[in-house]
Amino acid sequence: MKKYEGLFIFPPEDKDQALEVTKWIEKFQGKVLQKADLGKRTIGYQIRKFRDGKFLVFNFEMDPSKVQDFRKDLEQQETLLKYMVTVLREESRPSVSTATSQTTPQS
């Protein structure tokens, strides 16, 4: 199972879209790890006559073989304006001592 992050943009209605996205993920045997409602925001360009949208971010796990089918299913959703799914990578972060610059700035 790989970890993914999905950004989903819906029309700015007062509807529980988070539950809808959770069902879509679970339909493809995925597991929601985290979700965040970013609220209503202005979209940079008009999408289907909407200038604003409700933004939701989900972190989830899913079998990589099912992600393509998941994306195809998202394309068919009429309530969804736009979406983006990216792979979350486990990056090893350098320790604080190696992250600081060892060189001095030139004057």
Protein backbone atom coordinates (compact mmCIF):
# COMPACT_ATOMS: atom_id res chain seq x y z
CA MET A 1 0.00 0.00 0.00
CA LYS A 2 1.33 3.40 -0.99
CA LYS A 3 0.41 6.70 0.60
CA TYR A 4 -1.27 9.37 -1.49
CA GLU A 5 -2.55 12.89 -1.06
CA GLY A 6 -5.66 14.03 -2.87
CA LEU A 7 -6.96 17.56 -3.36
CA PHE A 8 -10.64 17.69 -4.27
CA ILE A 9 -12.55 20.82 -5.32
CA PHE A 10 -16.34 20.86 -5.12
CA PRO A 11 -18.95 23.55 -5.78
CA PRO A 12 -19.27 25.77 -2.69
CA GLU A 13 -22.47 24.14 -1.40
CA ASP A 14 -23.33 23.20 2.16
CA LYS A 15 -23.10 19.47 1.59
CA ASP A 16 -20.95 16.85 3.29
CA GLN A 17 -18.50 16.14 0.48
CA ALA A 18 -15.93 14.69 2.91
CA LEU A 19 -18.16 11.67 3.43
CA GLU A 20 -18.52 11.31 -0.33
CA VAL A 21 -14.73 11.33 -0.90
CA THR A 22 -14.25 8.81 1.92
CA LYS A 23 -16.72 6.46 0.20
CA TRP A 24 -14.87 6.85 -3.12
CA ILE A 25 -11.54 5.94 -1.48
CA GLU A 26 -13.00 2.97 0.40
CA LYS A 27 -14.68 1.73 -2.80
CA PHE A 28 -11.16 0.94 -4.10
CA GLN A 29 -10.04 -0.64 -0.78
CA GLY A 30 -8.23 2.51 0.31
CA LYS A 31 -7.87 3.75 3.86
CA VAL A 32 -8.21 7.41 4.84
CA LEU A 33 -5.35 8.50 7.10
CA GLN A 34 -6.10 12.22 7.44
CA LYS A 35 -8.53 14.72 6.04
CA ALA A 36 -8.69 18.48 6.12
CA ASP A 37 -11.43 20.86 5.04
CA LEU A 38 -9.76 23.99 3.71
CA GLY A 39 -13.12 25.66 3.28
CA LYS A 40 -14.40 27.90 0.52
CA ARG A 41 -11.68 29.52 -1.61
CA THR A 42 -11.51 31.44 -4.85
CA ILE A 43 -10.39 29.38 -7.83
CA GLY A 44 -7.83 30.95 -10.16
CA TYR A 45 -10.10 30.44 -13.17
CA GLN A 46 -13.73 29.61 -13.75
CA ILE A 47 -14.69 25.92 -13.70
CA ARG A 48 -18.21 25.04 -14.87
CA LYS A 49 -19.47 28.57 -14.06
CA PHE A 50 -17.97 28.49 -10.55
CA ARG A 51 -15.42 31.07 -9.38
CA ASP A 52 -15.29 29.63 -5.83
CA GLY A 53 -14.97 26.08 -4.60
CA LYS A 54 -14.85 24.00 -1.45
CA PHE A 55 -11.37 22.51 -1.04
CA LEU A 56 -10.76 19.18 0.72
CA VAL A 57 -7.39 17.47 1.24
CA PHE A 58 -7.15 13.75 2.02
CA ASN A 59 -4.12 11.62 2.89
CA PHE A 60 -4.87 7.97 2.19
CA GLU A 61 -3.36 4.57 1.50
CA MET A 62 -4.28 2.54 -1.54
CA ASP A 63 -2.92 -0.35 -3.55
CA PRO A 64 -1.02 1.20 -6.50
CA SER A 65 -2.76 -1.17 -8.93
CA LYS A 66 -6.13 0.40 -8.04
CA VAL A 67 -5.13 4.06 -8.33
CA GLN A 68 -5.68 4.25 -12.09
CA ASP A 69 -9.21 2.90 -11.71
CA PHE A 70 -9.77 5.32 -8.83
CA ARG A 71 -8.78 8.25 -11.06
CA LYS A 72 -11.07 7.04 -13.85
CA ASP A 73 -13.93 6.86 -11.36
CA LEU A 74 -13.20 10.42 -10.18
CA GLU A 75 -13.47 11.65 -13.78
CA GLN A 76 -17.06 10.36 -13.85
CA GLN A 77 -18.17 12.20 -10.70
CA GLU A 78 -20.49 15.07 -11.64
CA THR A 79 -20.25 16.82 -8.27
CA LEU A 80 -16.45 17.07 -8.43
CA LEU A 81 -15.06 20.17 -10.18
CA LYS A 82 -11.35 19.29 -10.11
CA TYR A 83 -9.01 16.87 -8.34
CA MET A 84 -5.32 16.07 -8.02
CA VAL A 85 -3.83 12.88 -6.57
CA THR A 86 -0.10 12.72 -5.80
CA VAL A 87 2.15 10.09 -4.23
CA LEU A 88 3.43 10.94 -0.76
CA ARG A 89 7.08 10.07 -0.47
CA GLU A 90 8.81 9.22 2.76
CA GLU A 91 11.74 11.60 2.54
CA SER A 92 14.59 11.26 4.94
CA ARG A 93 15.18 14.72 6.29
CA PRO A 94 18.71 15.76 7.18
CA SER A 95 19.46 16.33 10.82
CA VAL A 96 19.61 19.89 12.12
CA SER A 97 23.42 19.92 12.27
CA THR A 98 23.81 18.94 8.60
CA ALA A 99 20.99 21.22 7.47
CA THR A 100 22.74 24.40 8.60
CA SER A 101 25.06 26.04 6.15
CA GLN A 102 28.76 25.40 6.70
CA THR A 103 29.90 28.28 4.49
CA THR A 104 30.03 31.94 5.41
CA PRO A 105 28.45 34.52 3.11
CA GLN A 106 30.76 36.69 0.98
CA SER A 107 30.68 40.45 1.67
